[in-house]
Amino acid sequence: MEIKQKKFSNHHTYTFESDHVNFAYKDKSGSGDFDFNYADFPEKSSITIEQNEWLRNVGILWCLLGVYRIGSAIYSGSPLSGTGFWLVLGIICLIWFALTKVKYSVFKTERGNVFVIQDKNHENIISELNKRKKEQLLAWYGAVNLENDKENEIEKFRWLEKQNVITKDEAEEKIAEVEFAHKDPDLKPQELN
């Protein structure tokens, strides 16, 4: 499965494989790609906003210049024709600045940062990554491993519950399985005290 995102010069491609995802990107600063396991996809993210500061600054400057020219024309009694040019140009720059803003959700992985453009595919990409993360964690750690220490197994299922891979009831059921499997059949009642 593949999902593509494009906004202006930013191109992102998420290729979902059976055990990992490939994140490929191309923008005005360069291009690249990397693979990471679904289990490595973090729950928390930050937000980055890419915007053209130059357009905002020039737009504000030209708006101020336009307001000054209109104000001085009104004060001096000069005709207003042509005095609003800088104001209009400044407003156009500010509108362009607002429309070309790109917001990303940024997820930090060990292999690199995964940028998800906040557009119509944003939630689909994140939910697909989280769904596959849960499936992978469950496949890797969902079964009781009798070779592991009892406490490690119990902590594993509590961790899976914290990761929202299994419910609290499922975790308690798995913990009960671990405790039952690790019971010593030769244990005498007086040794319990």
N, C-alpha and C. Protein backbone atom coordinates (compact mmCIF):
# COMPACT_ATOMS: atom_id res chain seq x y z
N MET A 1 0.84 -1.17 0.00
CA MET A 1 0.00 0.00 0.00
C MET A 1 0.89 1.24 0.00
N GLU A 2 0.47 2.25 -0.73
CA GLU A 2 1.26 3.47 -0.83
C GLU A 2 0.35 4.69 -0.73
N ILE A 3 0.76 5.66 0.08
CA ILE A 3 0.02 6.92 0.19
C ILE A 3 0.99 8.04 -0.13
N LYS A 4 0.56 8.95 -1.02
CA LYS A 4 1.40 10.09 -1.41
C LYS A 4 0.77 11.38 -0.92
N GLN A 5 1.64 12.30 -0.54
CA GLN A 5 1.21 13.65 -0.16
C GLN A 5 2.02 14.64 -0.98
N LYS A 6 1.35 15.73 -1.39
CA LYS A 6 2.03 16.77 -2.15
C LYS A 6 1.43 18.11 -1.75
N LYS A 7 2.31 19.02 -1.40
CA LYS A 7 1.88 20.40 -1.16
C LYS A 7 3.01 21.30 -1.61
N PHE A 8 2.76 22.05 -2.67
CA PHE A 8 3.73 22.92 -3.31
C PHE A 8 4.94 22.09 -3.73
N SER A 9 6.14 22.40 -3.24
CA SER A 9 7.33 21.63 -3.66
C SER A 9 7.62 20.45 -2.74
N ASN A 10 6.74 20.16 -1.81
CA ASN A 10 6.94 19.07 -0.85
C ASN A 10 6.21 17.81 -1.32
N HIS A 11 6.96 16.74 -1.50
CA HIS A 11 6.40 15.45 -1.92
C HIS A 11 6.80 14.40 -0.90
N HIS A 12 5.81 13.71 -0.32
CA HIS A 12 6.08 12.64 0.65
C HIS A 12 5.38 11.38 0.18
N THR A 13 6.07 10.25 0.29
CA THR A 13 5.50 8.97 -0.08
C THR A 13 5.72 7.99 1.07
N TYR A 14 4.65 7.34 1.47
CA TYR A 14 4.68 6.33 2.53
C TYR A 14 4.35 5.00 1.88
N THR A 15 5.33 4.10 1.84
CA THR A 15 5.13 2.78 1.26
C THR A 15 5.05 1.77 2.41
N PHE A 16 3.86 1.21 2.59
CA PHE A 16 3.61 0.29 3.70
C PHE A 16 3.92 -1.13 3.26
N GLU A 17 4.96 -1.71 3.83
CA GLU A 17 5.34 -3.10 3.57
C GLU A 17 4.78 -3.95 4.71
N SER A 18 5.02 -5.26 4.66
CA SER A 18 4.45 -6.14 5.68
C SER A 18 5.05 -5.90 7.06
N ASP A 19 6.35 -5.59 7.14
CA ASP A 19 6.98 -5.45 8.45
C ASP A 19 7.61 -4.07 8.70
N HIS A 20 7.57 -3.18 7.71
CA HIS A 20 8.14 -1.85 7.88
C HIS A 20 7.49 -0.88 6.91
N VAL A 21 7.79 0.39 7.11
CA VAL A 21 7.30 1.43 6.20
C VAL A 21 8.51 2.17 5.65
N ASN A 22 8.41 2.58 4.39
CA ASN A 22 9.44 3.41 3.79
C ASN A 22 8.87 4.81 3.67
N PHE A 23 9.57 5.78 4.25
CA PHE A 23 9.18 7.19 4.15
C PHE A 23 10.15 7.87 3.20
N ALA A 24 9.63 8.36 2.07
CA ALA A 24 10.44 9.05 1.08
C ALA A 24 9.95 10.50 0.99
N TYR A 25 10.88 11.41 0.88
CA TYR A 25 10.53 12.82 0.82
C TYR A 25 11.37 13.54 -0.24
N LYS A 26 10.79 14.59 -0.78
CA LYS A 26 11.49 15.45 -1.72
C LYS A 26 10.92 16.85 -1.53
N ASP A 27 11.82 17.80 -1.28
CA ASP A 27 11.40 19.18 -1.14
C ASP A 27 12.50 20.08 -1.71
N LYS A 28 12.36 21.39 -1.52
CA LYS A 28 13.32 22.32 -2.12
C LYS A 28 14.71 22.21 -1.51
N SER A 29 14.84 21.59 -0.33
CA SER A 29 16.15 21.46 0.29
C SER A 29 16.83 20.13 -0.01
N GLY A 30 16.12 19.19 -0.62
CA GLY A 30 16.74 17.91 -0.96
C GLY A 30 15.73 16.78 -0.97
N SER A 31 16.26 15.56 -0.98
CA SER A 31 15.39 14.38 -0.98
C SER A 31 16.08 13.24 -0.25
N GLY A 32 15.30 12.23 0.08
CA GLY A 32 15.85 11.06 0.77
C GLY A 32 14.74 10.11 1.15
N ASP A 33 15.11 9.00 1.75
CA ASP A 33 14.14 8.04 2.25
C ASP A 33 14.80 7.16 3.29
N PHE A 34 13.97 6.57 4.13
CA PHE A 34 14.46 5.60 5.10
C PHE A 34 13.33 4.68 5.50
N ASP A 35 13.71 3.50 5.99
CA ASP A 35 12.76 2.49 6.45
C ASP A 35 12.77 2.47 7.97
N PHE A 36 11.62 2.16 8.55
CA PHE A 36 11.56 1.92 9.99
C PHE A 36 10.45 0.93 10.28
N ASN A 37 10.65 0.16 11.36
CA ASN A 37 9.63 -0.80 11.78
C ASN A 37 8.42 -0.06 12.32
N TYR A 38 7.26 -0.64 12.15
CA TYR A 38 6.04 -0.03 12.67
C TYR A 38 6.12 0.13 14.19
N ALA A 39 6.78 -0.80 14.85
CA ALA A 39 6.90 -0.75 16.31
C ALA A 39 7.67 0.47 16.78
N ASP A 40 8.48 1.06 15.91
CA ASP A 40 9.29 2.23 16.27
C ASP A 40 8.54 3.55 16.08
N PHE A 41 7.31 3.49 15.57
CA PHE A 41 6.55 4.72 15.35
C PHE A 41 6.08 5.27 16.70
N PRO A 42 6.47 6.51 17.05
CA PRO A 42 6.13 7.04 18.37
C PRO A 42 4.68 7.51 18.47
N GLU A 43 4.19 7.56 19.70
CA GLU A 43 2.83 8.06 19.96
C GLU A 43 2.79 9.58 19.88
N LYS A 44 3.82 10.23 20.39
CA LYS A 44 3.83 11.69 20.48
C LYS A 44 4.47 12.31 19.25
N SER A 45 3.99 13.51 18.94
CA SER A 45 4.54 14.24 17.80
C SER A 45 4.66 15.71 18.15
N SER A 46 5.35 16.42 17.30
CA SER A 46 5.41 17.88 17.41
C SER A 46 4.87 18.45 16.10
N ILE A 47 4.68 19.75 16.08
CA ILE A 47 4.16 20.39 14.88
C ILE A 47 5.19 21.37 14.37
N THR A 48 5.45 21.31 13.08
CA THR A 48 6.36 22.24 12.43
C THR A 48 5.57 22.98 11.35
N ILE A 49 5.82 24.27 11.27
CA ILE A 49 5.14 25.08 10.26
C ILE A 49 6.21 25.65 9.33
N GLU A 50 6.04 25.39 8.04
CA GLU A 50 6.94 25.93 7.03
C GLU A 50 6.22 27.09 6.36
N GLN A 51 6.83 28.27 6.44
CA GLN A 51 6.20 29.44 5.85
C GLN A 51 7.27 30.38 5.32
N ASN A 52 6.88 31.23 4.41
CA ASN A 52 7.80 32.17 3.78
C ASN A 52 7.79 33.48 4.57
N GLU A 53 8.77 33.62 5.46
CA GLU A 53 8.85 34.81 6.30
C GLU A 53 9.08 36.08 5.47
N TRP A 54 9.80 35.92 4.37
CA TRP A 54 10.10 37.07 3.52
C TRP A 54 8.80 37.70 3.00
N LEU A 55 7.85 36.86 2.57
CA LEU A 55 6.57 37.38 2.08
C LEU A 55 5.83 38.15 3.17
N ARG A 56 5.84 37.61 4.38
CA ARG A 56 5.17 38.29 5.48
C ARG A 56 5.82 39.64 5.76
N ASN A 57 7.15 39.65 5.85
CA ASN A 57 7.86 40.89 6.17
C ASN A 57 7.68 41.95 5.09
N VAL A 58 7.81 41.55 3.84
CA VAL A 58 7.63 42.49 2.73
C VAL A 58 6.18 42.96 2.67
N GLY A 59 5.24 42.03 2.91
CA GLY A 59 3.83 42.41 2.90
C GLY A 59 3.51 43.44 3.96
N ILE A 60 4.03 43.27 5.15
CA ILE A 60 3.81 44.24 6.23
C ILE A 60 4.45 45.58 5.87
N LEU A 61 5.67 45.53 5.36
CA LEU A 61 6.37 46.76 4.97
C LEU A 61 5.59 47.52 3.90
N TRP A 62 5.13 46.80 2.88
CA TRP A 62 4.40 47.47 1.79
C TRP A 62 3.04 47.97 2.26
N CYS A 63 2.40 47.25 3.17
CA CYS A 63 1.12 47.74 3.73
C CYS A 63 1.35 49.04 4.51
N LEU A 64 2.41 49.07 5.32
CA LEU A 64 2.71 50.29 6.07
C LEU A 64 3.03 51.45 5.12
N LEU A 65 3.82 51.16 4.09
CA LEU A 65 4.14 52.19 3.09
C LEU A 65 2.86 52.67 2.39
N GLY A 66 1.97 51.73 2.05
CA GLY A 66 0.71 52.11 1.39
C GLY A 66 -0.17 52.94 2.29
N VAL A 67 -0.27 52.58 3.57
CA VAL A 67 -1.08 53.36 4.52
C VAL A 67 -0.46 54.75 4.70
N TYR A 68 0.85 54.81 4.77
CA TYR A 68 1.53 56.11 4.89
C TYR A 68 1.24 56.98 3.66
N ARG A 69 1.34 56.40 2.47
CA ARG A 69 1.11 57.18 1.23
C ARG A 69 -0.33 57.67 1.16
N ILE A 70 -1.28 56.81 1.53
CA ILE A 70 -2.69 57.21 1.52
C ILE A 70 -2.91 58.30 2.57
N GLY A 71 -2.35 58.10 3.77
CA GLY A 71 -2.50 59.10 4.84
C GLY A 71 -1.89 60.44 4.47
N SER A 72 -0.70 60.42 3.87
CA SER A 72 -0.06 61.69 3.50
C SER A 72 -0.82 62.36 2.35
N ALA A 73 -1.40 61.57 1.44
CA ALA A 73 -2.19 62.16 0.35
C ALA A 73 -3.46 62.81 0.90
N ILE A 74 -4.10 62.16 1.87
CA ILE A 74 -5.31 62.73 2.48
C ILE A 74 -4.94 64.00 3.25
N TYR A 75 -3.83 63.96 4.00
CA TYR A 75 -3.41 65.10 4.82
C TYR A 75 -3.05 66.31 3.95
N SER A 76 -2.37 66.05 2.83
CA SER A 76 -1.95 67.15 1.96
C SER A 76 -3.03 67.57 0.96
N GLY A 77 -4.11 66.82 0.90
CA GLY A 77 -5.19 67.15 -0.02
C GLY A 77 -4.90 66.74 -1.45
N SER A 78 -3.92 65.88 -1.65
CA SER A 78 -3.57 65.38 -2.99
C SER A 78 -4.59 64.34 -3.43
N PRO A 79 -4.68 64.10 -4.75
CA PRO A 79 -5.60 63.04 -5.21
C PRO A 79 -5.12 61.66 -4.74
N LEU A 80 -6.07 60.78 -4.49
CA LEU A 80 -5.75 59.45 -3.97
C LEU A 80 -5.41 58.43 -5.06
N SER A 81 -5.58 58.79 -6.31
CA SER A 81 -5.34 57.82 -7.37
C SER A 81 -3.89 57.37 -7.37
N GLY A 82 -3.71 56.08 -7.36
CA GLY A 82 -2.38 55.47 -7.39
C GLY A 82 -1.69 55.36 -6.04
N THR A 83 -2.26 55.98 -5.01
CA THR A 83 -1.59 55.94 -3.70
C THR A 83 -1.80 54.61 -2.98
N GLY A 84 -2.79 53.84 -3.37
CA GLY A 84 -3.07 52.56 -2.71
C GLY A 84 -2.31 51.39 -3.30
N PHE A 85 -1.46 51.64 -4.29
CA PHE A 85 -0.72 50.56 -4.95
C PHE A 85 0.07 49.71 -3.96
N TRP A 86 0.84 50.35 -3.07
CA TRP A 86 1.68 49.61 -2.13
C TRP A 86 0.84 48.85 -1.11
N LEU A 87 -0.29 49.44 -0.73
CA LEU A 87 -1.19 48.76 0.20
C LEU A 87 -1.75 47.48 -0.43
N VAL A 88 -2.20 47.57 -1.68
CA VAL A 88 -2.73 46.40 -2.39
C VAL A 88 -1.64 45.35 -2.56
N LEU A 89 -0.45 45.78 -2.95
CA LEU A 89 0.66 44.84 -3.13
C LEU A 89 1.01 44.15 -1.80
N GLY A 90 1.00 44.91 -0.71
CA GLY A 90 1.27 44.33 0.61
C GLY A 90 0.21 43.32 1.02
N ILE A 91 -1.06 43.63 0.76
CA ILE A 91 -2.15 42.70 1.09
C ILE A 91 -2.03 41.42 0.27
N ILE A 92 -1.67 41.55 -1.01
CA ILE A 92 -1.47 40.36 -1.86
C ILE A 92 -0.35 39.48 -1.28
N CYS A 93 0.74 40.10 -0.84
CA CYS A 93 1.85 39.32 -0.25
C CYS A 93 1.41 38.62 1.03
N LEU A 94 0.62 39.30 1.86
CA LEU A 94 0.15 38.69 3.10
C LEU A 94 -0.82 37.54 2.83
N ILE A 95 -1.66 37.67 1.83
CA ILE A 95 -2.56 36.58 1.45
C ILE A 95 -1.75 35.40 0.92
N TRP A 96 -0.77 35.68 0.07
CA TRP A 96 0.09 34.63 -0.48
C TRP A 96 0.84 33.93 0.65
N PHE A 97 1.32 34.70 1.62
CA PHE A 97 2.01 34.14 2.79
C PHE A 97 1.08 33.17 3.54
N ALA A 98 -0.17 33.57 3.74
CA ALA A 98 -1.12 32.73 4.48
C ALA A 98 -1.47 31.46 3.72
N LEU A 99 -1.58 31.56 2.40
CA LEU A 99 -1.98 30.40 1.59
C LEU A 99 -0.86 29.40 1.34
N THR A 100 0.38 29.83 1.45
CA THR A 100 1.50 28.92 1.17
C THR A 100 2.10 28.31 2.44
N LYS A 101 1.43 28.44 3.54
CA LYS A 101 1.90 27.87 4.81
C LYS A 101 1.67 26.35 4.78
N VAL A 102 2.67 25.58 5.20
CA VAL A 102 2.57 24.12 5.25
C VAL A 102 2.80 23.68 6.69
N LYS A 103 1.82 22.94 7.25
CA LYS A 103 1.94 22.41 8.61
C LYS A 103 2.22 20.92 8.54
N TYR A 104 3.12 20.48 9.40
CA TYR A 104 3.50 19.08 9.49
C TYR A 104 3.33 18.58 10.91
N SER A 105 2.98 17.31 11.05
CA SER A 105 3.15 16.59 12.31
C SER A 105 4.48 15.86 12.17
N VAL A 106 5.34 16.02 13.16
CA VAL A 106 6.69 15.45 13.09
C VAL A 106 6.82 14.35 14.14
N PHE A 107 7.14 13.15 13.69
CA PHE A 107 7.33 12.01 14.58
C PHE A 107 8.81 11.64 14.54
N LYS A 108 9.46 11.67 15.69
CA LYS A 108 10.90 11.39 15.77
C LYS A 108 11.13 9.90 15.98
N THR A 109 11.80 9.28 15.02
CA THR A 109 12.19 7.87 15.13
C THR A 109 13.71 7.80 15.20
N GLU A 110 14.23 6.61 15.50
CA GLU A 110 15.68 6.44 15.55
C GLU A 110 16.32 6.63 14.18
N ARG A 111 15.59 6.34 13.14
CA ARG A 111 16.13 6.45 11.78
C ARG A 111 16.04 7.85 11.20
N GLY A 112 15.16 8.68 11.75
CA GLY A 112 14.97 10.04 11.25
C GLY A 112 13.59 10.55 11.61
N ASN A 113 13.33 11.77 11.22
CA ASN A 113 12.03 12.38 11.49
C ASN A 113 11.06 12.06 10.36
N VAL A 114 9.85 11.67 10.76
CA VAL A 114 8.79 11.39 9.80
C VAL A 114 7.87 12.60 9.79
N PHE A 115 7.80 13.28 8.64
CA PHE A 115 6.96 14.46 8.48
C PHE A 115 5.67 14.05 7.78
N VAL A 116 4.54 14.34 8.41
CA VAL A 116 3.24 14.05 7.82
C VAL A 116 2.55 15.40 7.58
N ILE A 117 2.35 15.74 6.31
CA ILE A 117 1.70 17.01 5.96
C ILE A 117 0.27 16.98 6.49
N GLN A 118 -0.15 18.05 7.11
CA GLN A 118 -1.52 18.12 7.64
C GLN A 118 -2.47 18.49 6.49
N ASP A 119 -2.92 17.44 5.82
CA ASP A 119 -3.88 17.59 4.72
C ASP A 119 -4.95 16.51 4.86
N LYS A 120 -5.66 16.22 3.79
CA LYS A 120 -6.76 15.24 3.87
C LYS A 120 -6.27 13.81 4.17
N ASN A 121 -5.02 13.50 3.87
CA ASN A 121 -4.48 12.15 4.13
C ASN A 121 -3.80 12.03 5.49
N HIS A 122 -3.67 13.11 6.22
CA HIS A 122 -2.95 13.13 7.49
C HIS A 122 -3.44 12.05 8.45
N GLU A 123 -4.73 12.04 8.73
CA GLU A 123 -5.28 11.08 9.70
C GLU A 123 -5.20 9.64 9.17
N ASN A 124 -5.37 9.45 7.86
CA ASN A 124 -5.27 8.10 7.28
C ASN A 124 -3.87 7.52 7.48
N ILE A 125 -2.86 8.35 7.26
CA ILE A 125 -1.47 7.89 7.39
C ILE A 125 -1.16 7.53 8.84
N ILE A 126 -1.53 8.41 9.76
CA ILE A 126 -1.23 8.17 11.18
C ILE A 126 -2.00 6.95 11.70
N SER A 127 -3.27 6.83 11.31
CA SER A 127 -4.04 5.68 11.80
C SER A 127 -3.52 4.37 11.20
N GLU A 128 -3.08 4.39 9.95
CA GLU A 128 -2.51 3.18 9.33
C GLU A 128 -1.20 2.80 10.03
N LEU A 129 -0.35 3.78 10.32
CA LEU A 129 0.91 3.49 11.04
C LEU A 129 0.63 2.94 12.43
N ASN A 130 -0.31 3.55 13.15
CA ASN A 130 -0.64 3.07 14.50
C ASN A 130 -1.27 1.68 14.47
N LYS A 131 -2.12 1.42 13.49
CA LYS A 131 -2.75 0.10 13.36
C LYS A 131 -1.69 -0.97 13.13
N ARG A 132 -0.77 -0.69 12.21
CA ARG A 132 0.28 -1.66 11.91
C ARG A 132 1.28 -1.79 13.06
N LYS A 133 1.48 -0.71 13.79
CA LYS A 133 2.35 -0.77 14.98
C LYS A 133 1.77 -1.75 15.99
N LYS A 134 0.48 -1.63 16.27
CA LYS A 134 -0.17 -2.52 17.23
C LYS A 134 -0.10 -3.97 16.76
N GLU A 135 -0.33 -4.20 15.47
CA GLU A 135 -0.25 -5.57 14.93
C GLU A 135 1.16 -6.13 15.09
N GLN A 136 2.17 -5.30 14.80
CA GLN A 136 3.55 -5.78 14.89
C GLN A 136 3.95 -6.05 16.34
N LEU A 137 3.59 -5.16 17.25
CA LEU A 137 3.91 -5.38 18.66
C LEU A 137 3.22 -6.63 19.20
N LEU A 138 1.98 -6.83 18.78
CA LEU A 138 1.23 -8.02 19.22
C LEU A 138 1.88 -9.29 18.66
N ALA A 139 2.32 -9.24 17.42
CA ALA A 139 2.99 -10.41 16.82
C ALA A 139 4.32 -10.69 17.51
N TRP A 140 5.05 -9.65 17.86
CA TRP A 140 6.36 -9.82 18.49
C TRP A 140 6.25 -10.23 19.96
N TYR A 141 5.32 -9.60 20.69
CA TYR A 141 5.31 -9.75 22.14
C TYR A 141 4.00 -10.27 22.73
N GLY A 142 3.03 -10.62 21.90
CA GLY A 142 1.70 -10.96 22.39
C GLY A 142 1.55 -12.32 23.03
N ALA A 143 2.45 -13.23 22.77
CA ALA A 143 2.34 -14.59 23.32
C ALA A 143 3.15 -14.71 24.60
N VAL A 144 2.71 -15.61 25.45
CA VAL A 144 3.44 -15.89 26.70
C VAL A 144 4.68 -16.71 26.34
N ASN A 145 5.83 -16.23 26.80
CA ASN A 145 7.09 -16.92 26.56
C ASN A 145 7.55 -17.52 27.90
N LEU A 146 7.45 -18.85 28.01
CA LEU A 146 7.77 -19.53 29.27
C LEU A 146 9.26 -19.51 29.59
N GLU A 147 10.09 -19.19 28.60
CA GLU A 147 11.53 -19.13 28.85
C GLU A 147 11.93 -17.84 29.58
N ASN A 148 11.08 -16.83 29.52
CA ASN A 148 11.37 -15.56 30.21
C ASN A 148 11.02 -15.66 31.69
N ASP A 149 11.65 -14.79 32.45
CA ASP A 149 11.36 -14.66 33.87
C ASP A 149 9.92 -14.20 34.05
N LYS A 150 9.29 -14.67 35.12
CA LYS A 150 7.89 -14.35 35.40
C LYS A 150 7.65 -12.84 35.44
N GLU A 151 8.51 -12.12 36.19
CA GLU A 151 8.33 -10.67 36.34
C GLU A 151 8.50 -9.94 35.00
N ASN A 152 9.45 -10.39 34.19
CA ASN A 152 9.65 -9.78 32.87
C ASN A 152 8.42 -9.98 31.98
N GLU A 153 7.84 -11.17 32.05
CA GLU A 153 6.64 -11.44 31.26
C GLU A 153 5.47 -10.57 31.72
N ILE A 154 5.32 -10.44 33.02
CA ILE A 154 4.22 -9.61 33.56
C ILE A 154 4.42 -8.16 33.12
N GLU A 155 5.65 -7.66 33.22
CA GLU A 155 5.93 -6.28 32.80
C GLU A 155 5.71 -6.10 31.30
N LYS A 156 6.00 -7.14 30.52
CA LYS A 156 5.80 -7.07 29.08
C LYS A 156 4.32 -6.83 28.76
N PHE A 157 3.44 -7.53 29.44
CA PHE A 157 2.00 -7.37 29.17
C PHE A 157 1.46 -6.05 29.72
N ARG A 158 2.04 -5.58 30.80
CA ARG A 158 1.65 -4.24 31.29
C ARG A 158 2.11 -3.17 30.30
N TRP A 159 3.30 -3.35 29.74
CA TRP A 159 3.81 -2.41 28.73
C TRP A 159 2.93 -2.44 27.48
N LEU A 160 2.52 -3.63 27.04
CA LEU A 160 1.63 -3.72 25.88
C LEU A 160 0.31 -3.01 26.15
N GLU A 161 -0.16 -3.08 27.38
CA GLU A 161 -1.39 -2.36 27.74
C GLU A 161 -1.17 -0.85 27.67
N LYS A 162 -0.02 -0.37 28.17
CA LYS A 162 0.29 1.06 28.12
C LYS A 162 0.43 1.56 26.68
N GLN A 163 0.88 0.67 25.80
CA GLN A 163 1.03 1.02 24.39
C GLN A 163 -0.31 0.93 23.64
N ASN A 164 -1.38 0.59 24.34
CA ASN A 164 -2.72 0.42 23.75
C ASN A 164 -2.76 -0.70 22.71
N VAL A 165 -1.90 -1.68 22.89
CA VAL A 165 -1.90 -2.84 21.99
C VAL A 165 -2.94 -3.84 22.46
N ILE A 166 -3.05 -4.00 23.77
CA ILE A 166 -4.06 -4.88 24.36
C ILE A 166 -4.85 -4.09 25.41
N THR A 167 -6.05 -4.56 25.69
CA THR A 167 -6.88 -3.90 26.69
C THR A 167 -6.43 -4.32 28.08
N LYS A 168 -6.96 -3.66 29.08
CA LYS A 168 -6.64 -4.01 30.48
C LYS A 168 -7.08 -5.43 30.79
N ASP A 169 -8.27 -5.82 30.30
CA ASP A 169 -8.76 -7.19 30.53
C ASP A 169 -7.85 -8.22 29.87
N GLU A 170 -7.42 -7.93 28.64
CA GLU A 170 -6.52 -8.86 27.94
C GLU A 170 -5.19 -8.96 28.68
N ALA A 171 -4.69 -7.83 29.19
CA ALA A 171 -3.44 -7.84 29.94
C ALA A 171 -3.57 -8.68 31.20
N GLU A 172 -4.66 -8.50 31.92
CA GLU A 172 -4.89 -9.28 33.14
C GLU A 172 -4.99 -10.78 32.83
N GLU A 173 -5.62 -11.09 31.72
CA GLU A 173 -5.75 -12.50 31.30
C GLU A 173 -4.36 -13.09 30.99
N LYS A 174 -3.53 -12.33 30.28
CA LYS A 174 -2.18 -12.80 29.95
C LYS A 174 -1.33 -12.93 31.21
N ILE A 175 -1.47 -11.98 32.13
CA ILE A 175 -0.72 -12.04 33.39
C ILE A 175 -1.13 -13.27 34.20
N ALA A 176 -2.43 -13.57 34.19
CA ALA A 176 -2.90 -14.78 34.89
C ALA A 176 -2.31 -16.02 34.23
N GLU A 177 -2.21 -16.03 32.91
CA GLU A 177 -1.58 -17.17 32.19
C GLU A 177 -0.13 -17.32 32.62
N VAL A 178 0.58 -16.18 32.71
CA VAL A 178 1.99 -16.21 33.10
C VAL A 178 2.13 -16.77 34.52
N GLU A 179 1.31 -16.26 35.42
CA GLU A 179 1.38 -16.72 36.81
C GLU A 179 1.04 -18.20 36.93
N PHE A 180 0.04 -18.64 36.17
CA PHE A 180 -0.32 -20.06 36.21
C PHE A 180 0.81 -20.92 35.64
N ALA A 181 1.41 -20.48 34.55
CA ALA A 181 2.47 -21.25 33.91
C ALA A 181 3.73 -21.33 34.77
N HIS A 182 3.96 -20.31 35.61
CA HIS A 182 5.17 -20.30 36.43
C HIS A 182 4.95 -20.86 37.84
N LYS A 183 3.78 -21.42 38.11
CA LYS A 183 3.56 -22.03 39.43
C LYS A 183 4.44 -23.26 39.57
N ASP A 184 4.95 -23.42 40.77
CA ASP A 184 5.77 -24.58 41.05
C ASP A 184 4.85 -25.69 41.57
N PRO A 185 4.67 -26.79 40.83
CA PRO A 185 3.75 -27.84 41.29
C PRO A 185 4.24 -28.54 42.56
N ASP A 186 5.53 -28.44 42.89
CA ASP A 186 6.08 -29.09 44.08
C ASP A 186 6.03 -28.20 45.31
N LEU A 187 5.46 -26.98 45.17
CA LEU A 187 5.42 -26.03 46.29
C LEU A 187 4.52 -26.55 47.39
N LYS A 188 5.03 -26.59 48.63
CA LYS A 188 4.27 -27.08 49.77
C LYS A 188 3.58 -25.92 50.46
N PRO A 189 2.40 -26.15 51.07
CA PRO A 189 1.67 -25.06 51.70
C PRO A 189 2.46 -24.31 52.77
N GLN A 190 3.31 -24.98 53.57
CA GLN A 190 4.02 -24.29 54.62
C GLN A 190 5.10 -23.35 54.05
N GLU A 191 5.54 -23.56 52.80
CA GLU A 191 6.53 -22.68 52.19
C GLU A 191 5.91 -21.35 51.75
N LEU A 192 4.61 -21.27 51.69
CA LEU A 192 3.94 -20.04 51.29
C LEU A 192 4.02 -18.98 52.36
N ASN A 193 4.13 -19.37 53.63
CA ASN A 193 4.16 -18.39 54.73
C ASN A 193 5.48 -17.78 54.88
